[in-house]
Amino acid sequence: MIVRLIVFIAIFFTGLWLYRKFVAFKASQSAKKEQSDEKAPEENMVRCEKCQVFVPLSHAVLDDNKRPFCSKEHLDDFNTQ
């Protein structure tokens, strides 16, 4: 009878220890995700002069007058008009 009690207590504390480790692991994963989300800066969107589609400023192709285009082809088409 006492052996069963000791085994039960050992299983209980092992489960409690595993549960605390799991909660700590999930908290660290959540903190890492929040840090990675904070590192991604928001970027301005600009509208293509040809097709009116929004593209990130870093992906836009700018002409001499700083007008944004979504691609080199649209820049060329706009200049030939």
N, C-alpha and C. Protein backbone atom coordinates (compact mmCIF):
# COMPACT_ATOMS: atom_id res chain seq x y z
N MET A 1 0.81 -1.19 0.00
CA MET A 1 0.00 0.00 0.00
C MET A 1 0.87 1.27 0.00
N ILE A 2 1.89 1.27 0.83
CA ILE A 2 2.77 2.44 0.91
C ILE A 2 3.57 2.61 -0.37
N VAL A 3 3.88 1.49 -1.04
CA VAL A 3 4.63 1.55 -2.29
C VAL A 3 3.80 2.24 -3.35
N ARG A 4 2.51 1.93 -3.41
CA ARG A 4 1.62 2.58 -4.37
C ARG A 4 1.55 4.09 -4.12
N LEU A 5 1.49 4.47 -2.86
CA LEU A 5 1.44 5.89 -2.50
C LEU A 5 2.72 6.60 -2.94
N ILE A 6 3.86 5.98 -2.71
CA ILE A 6 5.14 6.57 -3.10
C ILE A 6 5.22 6.69 -4.62
N VAL A 7 4.78 5.67 -5.34
CA VAL A 7 4.79 5.71 -6.80
C VAL A 7 3.85 6.80 -7.29
N PHE A 8 2.67 6.92 -6.70
CA PHE A 8 1.71 7.95 -7.09
C PHE A 8 2.30 9.34 -6.86
N ILE A 9 2.92 9.56 -5.72
CA ILE A 9 3.53 10.86 -5.43
C ILE A 9 4.65 11.16 -6.43
N ALA A 10 5.46 10.17 -6.75
CA ALA A 10 6.55 10.36 -7.72
C ALA A 10 5.99 10.71 -9.09
N ILE A 11 4.93 10.02 -9.51
CA ILE A 11 4.32 10.32 -10.81
C ILE A 11 3.70 11.71 -10.80
N PHE A 12 3.06 12.08 -9.70
CA PHE A 12 2.45 13.41 -9.58
C PHE A 12 3.50 14.52 -9.70
N PHE A 13 4.59 14.41 -8.97
CA PHE A 13 5.61 15.45 -9.02
C PHE A 13 6.35 15.47 -10.36
N THR A 14 6.51 14.32 -10.97
CA THR A 14 7.12 14.28 -12.31
C THR A 14 6.21 14.98 -13.31
N GLY A 15 4.92 14.74 -13.24
CA GLY A 15 3.96 15.41 -14.11
C GLY A 15 3.93 16.91 -13.87
N LEU A 16 3.97 17.31 -12.61
CA LEU A 16 4.00 18.73 -12.28
C LEU A 16 5.26 19.39 -12.82
N TRP A 17 6.39 18.74 -12.71
CA TRP A 17 7.65 19.27 -13.22
C TRP A 17 7.59 19.41 -14.75
N LEU A 18 7.06 18.37 -15.43
CA LEU A 18 6.93 18.44 -16.88
C LEU A 18 5.99 19.55 -17.32
N TYR A 19 4.89 19.73 -16.59
CA TYR A 19 3.94 20.79 -16.91
C TYR A 19 4.59 22.16 -16.78
N ARG A 20 5.36 22.38 -15.72
CA ARG A 20 6.04 23.67 -15.55
C ARG A 20 7.07 23.91 -16.64
N LYS A 21 7.79 22.87 -17.04
CA LYS A 21 8.76 23.00 -18.13
C LYS A 21 8.04 23.36 -19.43
N PHE A 22 6.89 22.73 -19.68
CA PHE A 22 6.13 23.00 -20.89
C PHE A 22 5.63 24.44 -20.91
N VAL A 23 5.10 24.93 -19.79
CA VAL A 23 4.62 26.31 -19.70
C VAL A 23 5.77 27.29 -19.92
N ALA A 24 6.92 27.02 -19.34
CA ALA A 24 8.08 27.89 -19.53
C ALA A 24 8.54 27.88 -20.98
N PHE A 25 8.50 26.72 -21.63
CA PHE A 25 8.88 26.61 -23.03
C PHE A 25 7.93 27.42 -23.91
N LYS A 26 6.63 27.31 -23.68
CA LYS A 26 5.65 28.06 -24.46
C LYS A 26 5.83 29.56 -24.25
N ALA A 27 6.14 29.98 -23.04
CA ALA A 27 6.34 31.40 -22.76
C ALA A 27 7.57 31.92 -23.50
N SER A 28 8.63 31.13 -23.54
CA SER A 28 9.84 31.56 -24.25
C SER A 28 9.59 31.61 -25.75
N GLN A 29 8.80 30.68 -26.30
CA GLN A 29 8.47 30.70 -27.72
C GLN A 29 7.63 31.94 -28.05
N SER A 30 6.71 32.28 -27.18
CA SER A 30 5.87 33.46 -27.38
C SER A 30 6.71 34.73 -27.35
N ALA A 31 7.67 34.79 -26.43
CA ALA A 31 8.54 35.96 -26.34
C ALA A 31 9.41 36.09 -27.59
N LYS A 32 9.91 34.97 -28.10
CA LYS A 32 10.73 35.01 -29.31
C LYS A 32 9.90 35.48 -30.50
N LYS A 33 8.65 35.05 -30.58
CA LYS A 33 7.79 35.45 -31.69
C LYS A 33 7.50 36.94 -31.62
N GLU A 34 7.24 37.45 -30.41
CA GLU A 34 6.98 38.88 -30.25
C GLU A 34 8.21 39.70 -30.65
N GLN A 35 9.40 39.22 -30.31
CA GLN A 35 10.61 39.94 -30.68
C GLN A 35 10.81 39.94 -32.18
N SER A 36 10.52 38.82 -32.84
CA SER A 36 10.69 38.77 -34.29
C SER A 36 9.65 39.65 -34.98
N ASP A 37 8.44 39.76 -34.40
CA ASP A 37 7.43 40.64 -34.97
C ASP A 37 7.82 42.10 -34.82
N GLU A 38 8.48 42.44 -33.72
CA GLU A 38 8.88 43.82 -33.50
C GLU A 38 10.02 44.22 -34.43
N LYS A 39 10.83 43.27 -34.86
CA LYS A 39 11.96 43.60 -35.71
C LYS A 39 11.55 43.95 -37.13
N ALA A 40 10.37 43.50 -37.56
CA ALA A 40 9.91 43.76 -38.91
C ALA A 40 9.28 45.15 -38.95
N PRO A 41 10.00 46.14 -39.50
CA PRO A 41 9.44 47.49 -39.54
C PRO A 41 8.34 47.59 -40.59
N GLU A 42 7.41 48.47 -40.34
CA GLU A 42 6.37 48.71 -41.32
C GLU A 42 6.96 49.55 -42.45
N GLU A 43 6.46 49.29 -43.64
CA GLU A 43 7.01 49.97 -44.81
C GLU A 43 5.88 50.70 -45.53
N ASN A 44 6.21 51.86 -46.08
CA ASN A 44 5.22 52.63 -46.81
C ASN A 44 4.89 51.94 -48.12
N MET A 45 3.62 52.04 -48.50
CA MET A 45 3.15 51.49 -49.76
C MET A 45 2.95 52.65 -50.73
N VAL A 46 3.29 52.43 -51.99
CA VAL A 46 3.10 53.44 -53.02
C VAL A 46 2.29 52.84 -54.15
N ARG A 47 1.59 53.68 -54.89
CA ARG A 47 0.72 53.22 -55.98
C ARG A 47 1.43 53.38 -57.31
N CYS A 48 1.40 52.33 -58.09
CA CYS A 48 1.99 52.35 -59.43
C CYS A 48 1.26 53.37 -60.29
N GLU A 49 1.99 54.19 -61.01
CA GLU A 49 1.38 55.21 -61.87
C GLU A 49 0.66 54.60 -63.06
N LYS A 50 1.05 53.42 -63.47
CA LYS A 50 0.46 52.78 -64.65
C LYS A 50 -0.79 51.98 -64.30
N CYS A 51 -0.69 51.02 -63.38
CA CYS A 51 -1.79 50.10 -63.10
C CYS A 51 -2.51 50.37 -61.78
N GLN A 52 -2.03 51.31 -60.99
CA GLN A 52 -2.65 51.71 -59.72
C GLN A 52 -2.61 50.63 -58.65
N VAL A 53 -1.69 49.68 -58.76
CA VAL A 53 -1.52 48.64 -57.76
C VAL A 53 -0.54 49.14 -56.69
N PHE A 54 -0.82 48.85 -55.42
CA PHE A 54 0.07 49.25 -54.35
C PHE A 54 1.22 48.25 -54.22
N VAL A 55 2.42 48.78 -54.08
CA VAL A 55 3.62 47.97 -53.87
C VAL A 55 4.44 48.62 -52.74
N PRO A 56 5.24 47.83 -52.04
CA PRO A 56 6.12 48.42 -51.02
C PRO A 56 7.14 49.35 -51.67
N LEU A 57 7.48 50.39 -50.98
CA LEU A 57 8.40 51.39 -51.53
C LEU A 57 9.74 50.78 -51.90
N SER A 58 10.21 49.80 -51.14
CA SER A 58 11.50 49.18 -51.44
C SER A 58 11.44 48.34 -52.72
N HIS A 59 10.26 47.89 -53.15
CA HIS A 59 10.11 47.08 -54.36
C HIS A 59 9.76 47.93 -55.58
N ALA A 60 9.41 49.17 -55.35
CA ALA A 60 8.96 50.03 -56.45
C ALA A 60 10.14 50.48 -57.30
N VAL A 61 9.84 50.69 -58.57
CA VAL A 61 10.81 51.24 -59.52
C VAL A 61 10.47 52.71 -59.69
N LEU A 62 11.41 53.60 -59.40
CA LEU A 62 11.15 55.03 -59.47
C LEU A 62 11.76 55.62 -60.73
N ASP A 63 11.04 56.57 -61.32
CA ASP A 63 11.60 57.25 -62.50
C ASP A 63 12.34 58.50 -62.04
N ASP A 64 12.74 59.35 -62.98
CA ASP A 64 13.53 60.54 -62.65
C ASP A 64 12.74 61.54 -61.80
N ASN A 65 11.42 61.53 -61.95
CA ASN A 65 10.57 62.45 -61.18
C ASN A 65 10.07 61.83 -59.89
N LYS A 66 10.66 60.71 -59.47
CA LYS A 66 10.32 59.99 -58.23
C LYS A 66 8.90 59.43 -58.27
N ARG A 67 8.37 59.14 -59.45
CA ARG A 67 7.07 58.50 -59.56
C ARG A 67 7.27 56.99 -59.44
N PRO A 68 6.45 56.33 -58.63
CA PRO A 68 6.63 54.88 -58.41
C PRO A 68 5.93 54.04 -59.47
N PHE A 69 6.56 52.92 -59.81
CA PHE A 69 6.00 51.92 -60.71
C PHE A 69 6.23 50.55 -60.10
N CYS A 70 5.34 49.61 -60.42
CA CYS A 70 5.46 48.28 -59.84
C CYS A 70 6.50 47.43 -60.56
N SER A 71 6.85 47.78 -61.78
CA SER A 71 7.84 47.01 -62.53
C SER A 71 8.53 47.89 -63.56
N LYS A 72 9.62 47.39 -64.07
CA LYS A 72 10.37 48.10 -65.12
C LYS A 72 9.53 48.21 -66.39
N GLU A 73 8.72 47.19 -66.69
CA GLU A 73 7.87 47.21 -67.89
C GLU A 73 6.85 48.33 -67.82
N HIS A 74 6.26 48.54 -66.65
CA HIS A 74 5.29 49.62 -66.52
C HIS A 74 5.96 50.98 -66.63
N LEU A 75 7.16 51.10 -66.14
CA LEU A 75 7.91 52.34 -66.29
C LEU A 75 8.16 52.62 -67.77
N ASP A 76 8.58 51.59 -68.50
CA ASP A 76 8.84 51.76 -69.94
C ASP A 76 7.56 52.09 -70.69
N ASP A 77 6.46 51.40 -70.37
CA ASP A 77 5.18 51.69 -71.02
C ASP A 77 4.72 53.12 -70.74
N PHE A 78 4.89 53.56 -69.52
CA PHE A 78 4.47 54.91 -69.14
C PHE A 78 5.30 55.96 -69.89
N ASN A 79 6.59 55.70 -70.06
CA ASN A 79 7.46 56.66 -70.74
C ASN A 79 7.21 56.71 -72.24
N THR A 80 6.71 55.62 -72.84
CA THR A 80 6.46 55.63 -74.28
C THR A 80 5.13 56.28 -74.62
N GLN A 81 4.28 56.50 -73.67
CA GLN A 81 2.97 57.13 -73.94
C GLN A 81 3.11 58.61 -74.14
